[in-house]
Structure formats: structure tokens, C-alpha cells
PDB file of N, CA and C in Angstrom:
ATOM      1  N   UNK A   1     246.618  38.826  39.436  1.00  0.00           N
ATOM      2  CA  UNK A   1     247.077  39.039  40.887  1.00  0.00           C
ATOM      3  C   UNK A   1     246.043  38.865  41.970  1.00  0.00           C
ATOM      4  N   UNK A   2     246.269  38.124  42.909  1.00  0.00           N
ATOM      5  CA  UNK A   2     245.278  37.580  43.906  1.00  0.00           C
ATOM      6  C   UNK A   2     244.855  38.800  44.715  1.00  0.00           C
ATOM      7  N   UNK A   3     243.541  38.782  45.027  1.00  0.00           N
ATOM      8  CA  UNK A   3     242.997  39.967  45.852  1.00  0.00           C
ATOM      9  C   UNK A   3     243.327  39.591  47.445  1.00  0.00           C
ATOM     10  N   UNK A   4     243.988  40.644  47.973  1.00  0.00           N
ATOM     11  CA  UNK A   4     244.344  40.509  49.363  1.00  0.00           C
ATOM     12  C   UNK A   4     243.079  40.619  50.324  1.00  0.00           C
ATOM     13  N   UNK A   5     243.107  39.647  51.260  1.00  0.00           N
ATOM     14  CA  UNK A   5     242.100  39.682  52.349  1.00  0.00           C
ATOM     15  C   UNK A   5     242.380  40.870  53.303  1.00  0.00           C
ATOM     16  N   UNK A   6     241.434  41.744  53.600  1.00  0.00           N
ATOM     17  CA  UNK A   6     241.597  42.724  54.323  1.00  0.00           C
ATOM     18  C   UNK A   6     241.472  42.493  55.716  1.00  0.00           C
ATOM     19  N   UNK A   7     242.303  42.808  56.705  1.00  0.00           N
ATOM     20  CA  UNK A   7     242.263  42.548  58.236  1.00  0.00           C
ATOM     21  C   UNK A   7     241.266  43.558  58.761  1.00  0.00           C
ATOM     22  N   UNK A   8     240.178  43.116  59.382  1.00  0.00           N
ATOM     23  CA  UNK A   8     239.109  43.948  59.937  1.00  0.00           C
ATOM     24  C   UNK A   8     239.798  44.444  61.372  1.00  0.00           C
ATOM     25  N   UNK A   9     239.543  45.668  61.751  1.00  0.00           N
ATOM     26  CA  UNK A   9     239.964  46.206  63.205  1.00  0.00           C
ATOM     27  C   UNK A   9     238.734  45.890  64.065  1.00  0.00           C
ATOM     28  N   UNK A  10     238.793  46.046  65.155  1.00  0.00           N
ATOM     29  CA  UNK A  10     237.555  45.888  66.260  1.00  0.00           C
ATOM     30  C   UNK A  10     236.446  46.842  65.675  1.00  0.00           C
ATOM     31  N   UNK A  11     236.858  48.297  65.475  1.00  0.00           N
ATOM     32  CA  UNK A  11     235.715  49.015  64.977  1.00  0.00           C
ATOM     33  C   UNK A  11     235.134  48.689  63.748  1.00  0.00           C
ATOM     34  N   UNK A  12     235.979  48.078  62.783  1.00  0.00           N
ATOM     35  CA  UNK A  12     235.391  47.361  61.602  1.00  0.00           C
ATOM     36  C   UNK A  12     234.424  46.349  61.692  1.00  0.00           C
ATOM     37  N   UNK A  13     234.737  45.560  62.657  1.00  0.00           N
ATOM     38  CA  UNK A  13     233.956  44.316  63.034  1.00  0.00           C
ATOM     39  C   UNK A  13     232.518  44.811  63.686  1.00  0.00           C
ATOM     40  N   UNK A  14     232.659  45.730  64.555  1.00  0.00           N
ATOM     41  CA  UNK A  14     231.504  46.362  65.074  1.00  0.00           C
ATOM     42  C   UNK A  14     230.583  46.856  63.968  1.00  0.00           C
ATOM     43  N   UNK A  15     231.124  47.749  63.304  1.00  0.00           N
ATOM     44  CA  UNK A  15     230.258  48.209  62.038  1.00  0.00           C
ATOM     45  C   UNK A  15     229.704  47.180  61.203  1.00  0.00           C
ATOM     46  N   UNK A  16     230.493  46.113  60.813  1.00  0.00           N
ATOM     47  CA  UNK A  16     229.824  45.150  60.068  1.00  0.00           C
ATOM     48  C   UNK A  16     228.819  44.267  60.876  1.00  0.00           C
ATOM     49  N   UNK A  17     228.937  44.140  62.054  1.00  0.00           N
ATOM     50  CA  UNK A  17     227.798  43.426  62.907  1.00  0.00           C
ATOM     51  C   UNK A  17     226.580  44.349  63.015  1.00  0.00           C
ATOM     52  N   UNK A  18     226.790  45.730  62.966  1.00  0.00           N
ATOM     53  CA  UNK A  18     225.602  46.559  63.146  1.00  0.00           C
ATOM     54  C   UNK A  18     224.970  46.472  61.712  1.00  0.00           C
ATOM     55  N   UNK A  19     225.591  46.571  60.660  1.00  0.00           N
ATOM     56  CA  UNK A  19     225.036  46.569  59.334  1.00  0.00           C
ATOM     57  C   UNK A  19     224.361  45.189  59.213  1.00  0.00           C
ATOM     58  N   UNK A  20     224.962  44.073  59.432  1.00  0.00           N
ATOM     59  CA  UNK A  20     224.255  42.814  59.348  1.00  0.00           C
ATOM     60  C   UNK A  20     223.238  42.706  60.099  1.00  0.00           C
ATOM     61  N   UNK A  21     223.123  42.815  61.444  1.00  0.00           N
ATOM     62  CA  UNK A  21     221.927  43.107  62.387  1.00  0.00           C
ATOM     63  C   UNK A  21     220.844  43.889  62.056  1.00  0.00           C
ATOM     64  N   UNK A  22     221.184  45.375  61.894  1.00  0.00           N
ATOM     65  CA  UNK A  22     219.999  46.165  61.548  1.00  0.00           C
ATOM     66  C   UNK A  22     219.649  46.223  60.008  1.00  0.00           C
ATOM     67  N   UNK A  23     220.617  46.136  59.178  1.00  0.00           N
ATOM     68  CA  UNK A  23     220.335  46.319  57.880  1.00  0.00           C
ATOM     69  C   UNK A  23     219.715  47.671  57.215  1.00  0.00           C
ATOM     70  N   UNK A  24     220.307  48.641  57.690  1.00  0.00           N
ATOM     71  CA  UNK A  24     219.630  49.967  57.369  1.00  0.00           C
ATOM     72  C   UNK A  24     219.709  50.166  55.725  1.00  0.00           C
ATOM     73  N   UNK A  25     218.761  50.784  55.380  1.00  0.00           N
ATOM     74  CA  UNK A  25     218.531  51.002  53.830  1.00  0.00           C
ATOM     75  C   UNK A  25     218.841  52.406  53.538  1.00  0.00           C
ATOM     76  N   UNK A  26     218.723  53.392  54.366  1.00  0.00           N
ATOM     77  CA  UNK A  26     218.990  54.639  53.984  1.00  0.00           C
ATOM     78  C   UNK A  26     219.798  55.524  55.035  1.00  0.00           C
ATOM     79  N   UNK A  27     219.961  56.765  54.925  1.00  0.00           N
ATOM     80  CA  UNK A  27     220.778  57.517  55.965  1.00  0.00           C
ATOM     81  C   UNK A  27     219.932  57.577  57.078  1.00  0.00           C
ATOM     82  N   UNK A  28     218.544  57.874  56.978  1.00  0.00           N
ATOM     83  CA  UNK A  28     217.700  58.053  58.368  1.00  0.00           C
ATOM     84  C   UNK A  28     217.783  56.661  59.218  1.00  0.00           C
ATOM     85  N   UNK A  29     217.713  55.538  58.371  1.00  0.00           N
ATOM     86  CA  UNK A  29     217.821  54.385  59.185  1.00  0.00           C
ATOM     87  C   UNK A  29     219.064  53.968  59.786  1.00  0.00           C
ATOM     88  N   UNK A  30     220.100  54.551  59.131  1.00  0.00           N
ATOM     89  CA  UNK A  30     221.495  54.533  59.933  1.00  0.00           C
ATOM     90  C   UNK A  30     221.443  55.301  61.142  1.00  0.00           C
ATOM     91  N   UNK A  31     221.013  56.524  60.929  1.00  0.00           N
ATOM     92  CA  UNK A  31     220.894  57.635  62.060  1.00  0.00           C
ATOM     93  C   UNK A  31     220.035  57.157  63.285  1.00  0.00           C
ATOM     94  N   UNK A  32     219.055  56.324  62.968  1.00  0.00           N
ATOM     95  CA  UNK A  32     218.072  55.743  63.889  1.00  0.00           C
ATOM     96  C   UNK A  32     218.919  54.686  64.668  1.00  0.00           C
ATOM     97  N   UNK A  33     219.739  53.792  63.962  1.00  0.00           N
ATOM     98  CA  UNK A  33     220.327  52.666  64.626  1.00  0.00           C
ATOM     99  C   UNK A  33     221.659  53.349  65.417  1.00  0.00           C
ATOM    100  N   UNK A  34     222.241  54.292  65.007  1.00  0.00           N
ATOM    101  CA  UNK A  34     223.345  55.015  65.740  1.00  0.00           C
ATOM    102  C   UNK A  34     222.718  55.495  66.972  1.00  0.00           C
ATOM    103  N   UNK A  35     221.445  56.272  66.945  1.00  0.00           N
ATOM    104  CA  UNK A  35     220.850  56.722  68.105  1.00  0.00           C
ATOM    105  C   UNK A  35     220.424  55.694  69.067  1.00  0.00           C
ATOM    106  N   UNK A  36     220.044  54.432  68.634  1.00  0.00           N
ATOM    107  CA  UNK A  36     219.652  53.499  69.303  1.00  0.00           C
ATOM    108  C   UNK A  36     220.653  52.675  70.052  1.00  0.00           C
ATOM    109  N   UNK A  37     221.898  52.674  69.420  1.00  0.00           N
ATOM    110  CA  UNK A  37     223.071  52.009  69.937  1.00  0.00           C
ATOM    111  C   UNK A  37     223.734  52.858  71.082  1.00  0.00           C
ATOM    112  N   UNK A  38     223.922  54.085  70.822  1.00  0.00           N
ATOM    113  CA  UNK A  38     224.834  55.015  71.570  1.00  0.00           C
ATOM    114  C   UNK A  38     223.969  55.769  72.655  1.00  0.00           C
ATOM    115  N   UNK A  39     222.593  55.865  72.545  1.00  0.00           N
ATOM    116  CA  UNK A  39     221.860  56.565  73.534  1.00  0.00           C
ATOM    117  C   UNK A  39     222.109  56.093  74.963  1.00  0.00           C
ATOM    118  N   UNK A  40     222.075  54.741  75.003  1.00  0.00           N
ATOM    119  CA  UNK A  40     222.293  54.352  76.565  1.00  0.00           C
ATOM    120  C   UNK A  40     223.817  54.728  77.027  1.00  0.00           C
ATOM    121  N   UNK A  41     224.895  54.825  76.083  1.00  0.00           N
ATOM    122  CA  UNK A  41     226.199  55.234  76.563  1.00  0.00           C
ATOM    123  C   UNK A  41     226.233  56.555  76.824  1.00  0.00           C
ATOM    124  N   UNK A  42     225.664  57.392  76.036  1.00  0.00           N
ATOM    125  CA  UNK A  42     225.518  58.985  76.359  1.00  0.00           C
ATOM    126  C   UNK A  42     224.781  59.160  77.626  1.00  0.00           C
ATOM    127  N   UNK A  43     223.814  58.351  77.748  1.00  0.00           N
ATOM    128  CA  UNK A  43     222.798  58.622  79.027  1.00  0.00           C
ATOM    129  C   UNK A  43     223.591  58.269  80.361  1.00  0.00           C
ATOM    130  N   UNK A  44     224.420  57.300  80.281  1.00  0.00           N
ATOM    131  CA  UNK A  44     225.150  56.898  81.493  1.00  0.00           C
ATOM    132  C   UNK A  44     226.469  58.057  81.597  1.00  0.00           C
ATOM    133  N   UNK A  45     226.933  58.404  80.536  1.00  0.00           N
ATOM    134  CA  UNK A  45     227.886  59.414  80.780  1.00  0.00           C
ATOM    135  C   UNK A  45     227.393  60.667  81.371  1.00  0.00           C
ATOM    136  N   UNK A  46     226.149  61.214  80.822  1.00  0.00           N
ATOM    137  CA  UNK A  46     225.623  62.420  81.414  1.00  0.00           C
ATOM    138  C   UNK A  46     225.247  62.151  82.907  1.00  0.00           C
ATOM    139  N   UNK A  47     224.579  61.083  83.315  1.00  0.00           N
ATOM    140  CA  UNK A  47     224.314  60.813  84.640  1.00  0.00           C
ATOM    141  C   UNK A  47     225.580  60.909  85.638  1.00  0.00           C
ATOM    142  N   UNK A  48     226.708  60.257  84.928  1.00  0.00           N
ATOM    143  CA  UNK A  48     227.819  60.400  85.833  1.00  0.00           C
ATOM    144  C   UNK A  48     228.327  61.666  85.907  1.00  0.00           C
ATOM    145  N   UNK A  49     228.164  62.644  84.884  1.00  0.00           N
ATOM    146  CA  UNK A  49     228.466  64.123  84.951  1.00  0.00           C
ATOM    147  C   UNK A  49     227.720  64.773  85.903  1.00  0.00           C
ATOM    148  N   UNK A  50     226.351  64.636  85.901  1.00  0.00           N
ATOM    149  CA  UNK A  50     225.534  65.127  86.785  1.00  0.00           C
ATOM    150  C   UNK A  50     225.851  64.825  88.108  1.00  0.00           C
ATOM    151  N   UNK A  51     225.988  63.675  88.533  1.00  0.00           N
ATOM    152  CA  UNK A  51     226.330  63.104  89.828  1.00  0.00           C
ATOM    153  C   UNK A  51     227.565  63.729  90.402  1.00  0.00           C
ATOM    154  N   UNK A  52     228.479  63.899  89.596  1.00  0.00           N
ATOM    155  CA  UNK A  52     229.811  64.671  89.810  1.00  0.00           C
ATOM    156  C   UNK A  52     229.609  66.077  90.147  1.00  0.00           C
ATOM    157  N   UNK A  53     228.807  66.715  89.328  1.00  0.00           N
ATOM    158  CA  UNK A  53     228.493  68.177  89.597  1.00  0.00           C
ATOM    159  C   UNK A  53     227.625  68.478  90.617  1.00  0.00           C
ATOM    160  N   UNK A  54     226.611  67.574  90.824  1.00  0.00           N
ATOM    161  CA  UNK A  54     225.739  67.923  91.934  1.00  0.00           C
ATOM    162  C   UNK A  54     226.377  67.382  93.378  1.00  0.00           C
ATOM    163  N   UNK A  55     227.176  66.230  93.385  1.00  0.00           N
ATOM    164  CA  UNK A  55     227.671  65.699  94.511  1.00  0.00           C
ATOM    165  C   UNK A  55     226.858  64.647  95.156  1.00  0.00           C
ATOM    166  N   UNK A  56     225.806  64.309  94.339  1.00  0.00           N
ATOM    167  CA  UNK A  56     225.040  63.105  95.080  1.00  0.00           C
ATOM    168  C   UNK A  56     224.293  62.481  93.774  1.00  0.00           C
ATOM    169  N   UNK A  57     223.924  61.047  94.005  1.00  0.00           N
ATOM    170  CA  UNK A  57     223.282  60.290  92.815  1.00  0.00           C
ATOM    171  C   UNK A  57     221.896  60.705  92.447  1.00  0.00           C
ATOM    172  N   UNK A  58     221.611  60.600  91.290  1.00  0.00           N
ATOM    173  CA  UNK A  58     220.271  60.949  90.822  1.00  0.00           C
ATOM    174  C   UNK A  58     219.186  60.406  91.525  1.00  0.00           C
ATOM    175  N   UNK A  59     219.383  59.123  92.218  1.00  0.00           N
ATOM    176  CA  UNK A  59     218.359  58.585  92.944  1.00  0.00           C
ATOM    177  C   UNK A  59     217.893  59.414  94.173  1.00  0.00           C
ATOM    178  N   UNK A  60     219.002  60.181  94.563  1.00  0.00           N
ATOM    179  CA  UNK A  60     218.687  61.022  95.844  1.00  0.00           C
ATOM    180  C   UNK A  60     218.441  62.428  95.457  1.00  0.00           C
ATOM    181  N   UNK A  61     217.698  62.703  94.172  1.00  0.00           N
ATOM    182  CA  UNK A  61     217.393  63.972  93.837  1.00  0.00           C
ATOM    183  C   UNK A  61     216.307  64.662  94.644  1.00  0.00           C
ATOM    184  N   UNK A  62     215.682  63.820  95.361  1.00  0.00           N
ATOM    185  CA  UNK A  62     214.593  64.735  96.245  1.00  0.00           C
ATOM    186  C   UNK A  62     215.112  65.142  97.425  1.00  0.00           C
ATOM    187  N   UNK A  63     216.355  64.819  97.802  1.00  0.00           N
ATOM    188  CA  UNK A  63     217.049  65.195  99.117  1.00  0.00           C
ATOM    189  C   UNK A  63     217.902  66.399  98.688  1.00  0.00           C
ATOM    190  N   UNK A  64     217.936  67.273  99.835  1.00  0.00           N
ATOM    191  CA  UNK A  64     218.694  68.459  99.697  1.00  0.00           C
ATOM    192  C   UNK A  64     220.079  68.129 100.397  1.00  0.00           C
ATOM    193  N   UNK A  65     221.256  68.271  99.741  1.00  0.00           N
ATOM    194  CA  UNK A  65     222.242  67.999 100.776  1.00  0.00           C
ATOM    195  C   UNK A  65     222.483  68.878 101.845  1.00  0.00           C
ATOM    196  N   UNK A  66     222.970  68.386 102.911  1.00  0.00           N
ATOM    197  CA  UNK A  66     222.983  68.734 104.136  1.00  0.00           C
ATOM    198  C   UNK A  66     223.913  70.119 104.143  1.00  0.00           C
ATOM    199  N   UNK A  67     224.819  70.168 103.591  1.00  0.00           N
ATOM    200  CA  UNK A  67     225.564  71.438 103.591  1.00  0.00           C
ATOM    201  C   UNK A  67     224.867  72.611 103.152  1.00  0.00           C
ATOM    202  N   UNK A  68     223.872  72.354 102.240  1.00  0.00           N
ATOM    203  CA  UNK A  68     223.113  73.242 101.714  1.00  0.00           C
ATOM    204  C   UNK A  68     222.085  73.922 102.625  1.00  0.00           C
ATOM    205  N   UNK A  69     221.557  72.910 103.313  1.00  0.00           N
ATOM    206  CA  UNK A  69     220.576  73.298 104.537  1.00  0.00           C
ATOM    207  C   UNK A  69     221.108  73.909 105.568  1.00  0.00           C
ATOM    208  N   UNK A  70     222.450  73.502 105.948  1.00  0.00           N
ATOM    209  CA  UNK A  70     223.089  74.429 107.022  1.00  0.00           C
ATOM    210  C   UNK A  70     223.670  75.722 106.628  1.00  0.00           C
ATOM    211  N   UNK A  71     223.540  76.018 105.386  1.00  0.00           N
ATOM    212  CA  UNK A  71     224.204  77.390 104.934  1.00  0.00           C
ATOM    213  C   UNK A  71     223.154  78.504 105.013  1.00  0.00           C
ATOM    214  N   UNK A  72     223.501  79.515 105.723  1.00  0.00           N
ATOM    215  CA  UNK A  72     222.669  80.762 105.760  1.00  0.00           C
ATOM    216  C   UNK A  72     223.230  81.652 104.755  1.00  0.00           C
ATOM    217  N   UNK A  73     222.682  81.792 103.459  1.00  0.00           N
ATOM    218  CA  UNK A  73     223.281  82.719 102.515  1.00  0.00           C
ATOM    219  C   UNK A  73     223.017  84.149 102.705  1.00  0.00           C
ATOM    220  N   UNK A  74     224.019  85.007 102.989  1.00  0.00           N
ATOM    221  CA  UNK A  74     223.834  86.271 103.193  1.00  0.00           C
ATOM    222  C   UNK A  74     223.471  87.025 101.857  1.00  0.00           C
ATOM    223  N   UNK A  75     222.942  88.142 102.017  1.00  0.00           N
ATOM    224  CA  UNK A  75     222.652  88.857 100.611  1.00  0.00           C
ATOM    225  C   UNK A  75     223.795  89.222  99.743  1.00  0.00           C
ATOM    226  N   UNK A  76     224.818  89.597 100.472  1.00  0.00           N
ATOM    227  CA  UNK A  76     225.981  89.906  99.589  1.00  0.00           C
ATOM    228  C   UNK A  76     226.606  88.938  98.750  1.00  0.00           C
ATOM    229  N   UNK A  77     226.177  87.639  99.032  1.00  0.00           N
ATOM    230  CA  UNK A  77     226.777  86.572  98.257  1.00  0.00           C
ATOM    231  C   UNK A  77     225.874  86.062  97.038  1.00  0.00           C
ATOM    232  N   UNK A  78     224.742  87.032  96.710  1.00  0.00           N
ATOM    233  CA  UNK A  78     224.069  86.849  95.564  1.00  0.00           C
ATOM    234  C   UNK A  78     224.655  87.524  94.435  1.00  0.00           C
ATOM    235  N   UNK A  79     224.278  87.227  93.111  1.00  0.00           N
ATOM    236  CA  UNK A  79     224.959  87.545  92.011  1.00  0.00           C
ATOM    237  C   UNK A  79     224.023  89.057  91.562  1.00  0.00           C
ATOM    238  N   UNK A  80     224.607  89.547  90.447  1.00  0.00           N
ATOM    239  CA  UNK A  80     223.964  90.915  90.051  1.00  0.00           C
ATOM    240  C   UNK A  80     222.577  90.908  90.122  1.00  0.00           C
ATOM    241  N   UNK A  81     221.928  89.792  89.530  1.00  0.00           N
ATOM    242  CA  UNK A  81     220.412  89.663  89.537  1.00  0.00           C
ATOM    243  C   UNK A  81     219.771  89.220  90.752  1.00  0.00           C
ATOM    244  N   UNK A  82     220.398  89.122  91.966  1.00  0.00           N
ATOM    245  CA  UNK A  82     219.826  88.789  93.037  1.00  0.00           C
ATOM    246  C   UNK A  82     219.507  87.299  93.310  1.00  0.00           C
ATOM    247  N   UNK A  83     220.098  86.454  92.439  1.00  0.00           N
ATOM    248  CA  UNK A  83     220.198  85.014  92.678  1.00  0.00           C
ATOM    249  C   UNK A  83     221.180  84.506  93.578  1.00  0.00           C
ATOM    250  N   UNK A  84     220.802  83.605  94.427  1.00  0.00           N
ATOM    251  CA  UNK A  84     221.637  82.984  95.343  1.00  0.00           C
ATOM    252  C   UNK A  84     222.473  82.028  94.579  1.00  0.00           C
ATOM    253  N   UNK A  85     223.795  81.743  94.947  1.00  0.00           N
ATOM    254  CA  UNK A  85     224.604  80.708  94.472  1.00  0.00           C
ATOM    255  C   UNK A  85     224.067  79.201  94.706  1.00  0.00           C
ATOM    256  N   UNK A  86     223.147  79.127  95.715  1.00  0.00           N
ATOM    257  CA  UNK A  86     222.877  77.763  96.113  1.00  0.00           C
ATOM    258  C   UNK A  86     221.294  77.714  95.745  1.00  0.00           C
ATOM    259  N   UNK A  87     220.857  76.860  94.819  1.00  0.00           N
ATOM    260  CA  UNK A  87     219.465  76.916  94.310  1.00  0.00           C
ATOM    261  C   UNK A  87     218.510  76.685  95.470  1.00  0.00           C
ATOM    262  N   UNK A  88     218.784  75.979  96.589  1.00  0.00           N
ATOM    263  CA  UNK A  88     217.763  75.614  97.720  1.00  0.00           C
ATOM    264  C   UNK A  88     217.908  76.833  98.829  1.00  0.00           C
ATOM    265  N   UNK A  89     218.886  77.638  98.819  1.00  0.00           N
ATOM    266  CA  UNK A  89     218.981  78.767  99.752  1.00  0.00           C
ATOM    267  C   UNK A  89     218.012  79.742  99.548  1.00  0.00           C
ATOM    268  N   UNK A  90     217.503  80.340 100.594  1.00  0.00           N
ATOM    269  CA  UNK A  90     216.494  81.684 100.557  1.00  0.00           C
ATOM    270  C   UNK A  90     217.145  82.775  99.680  1.00  0.00           C
TER     271      UNK A  90
END
């Protein structure tokens, strides 16, 4: 019986390319390769999440959003530990 040729999916092709390019020899080397490949992807995703959460781009991190500067935080808006909900408010 003839051996069937397996059709590779896009993820299979990517994995094959990674293995051929980096030629990891053990589990630690595979882990290092995965970190090297996916770190930029995760970093970009986290930067996007932070920008969405903060409301401004990371390159503007030295600036305080105008809405926070204009806000006068009353004492009753603090939490149980006396912390203000706005990190830059008094």
C-alpha cells in the first residue's frame, strides 16, 4: 500500500519552518524559540491594551491627560484606604 502524502495546514507549515530555521535540540531550546517568536506579538498586544486602558499612547506617558488635571477630587470620592481613584489627583 502506498504511503499517503499528508497535506500540511498553515500552522503545520509555520511549525516546520520554525523547526528547520532554529533546529532546537531540546525542550529548553524550543521554549527559547517560542519566546523569541511570540514576544513581539504579546508586547504589541499588551501595549494596545494599556493604550486602551489609559486612554493615550505609551509615547505620551509623561503627559497627564487634561481631564485628570481639571478634576478636583473631593475626599468622599476616595476608597476605604484613602486612595484617590485618579493616580495624579491630590
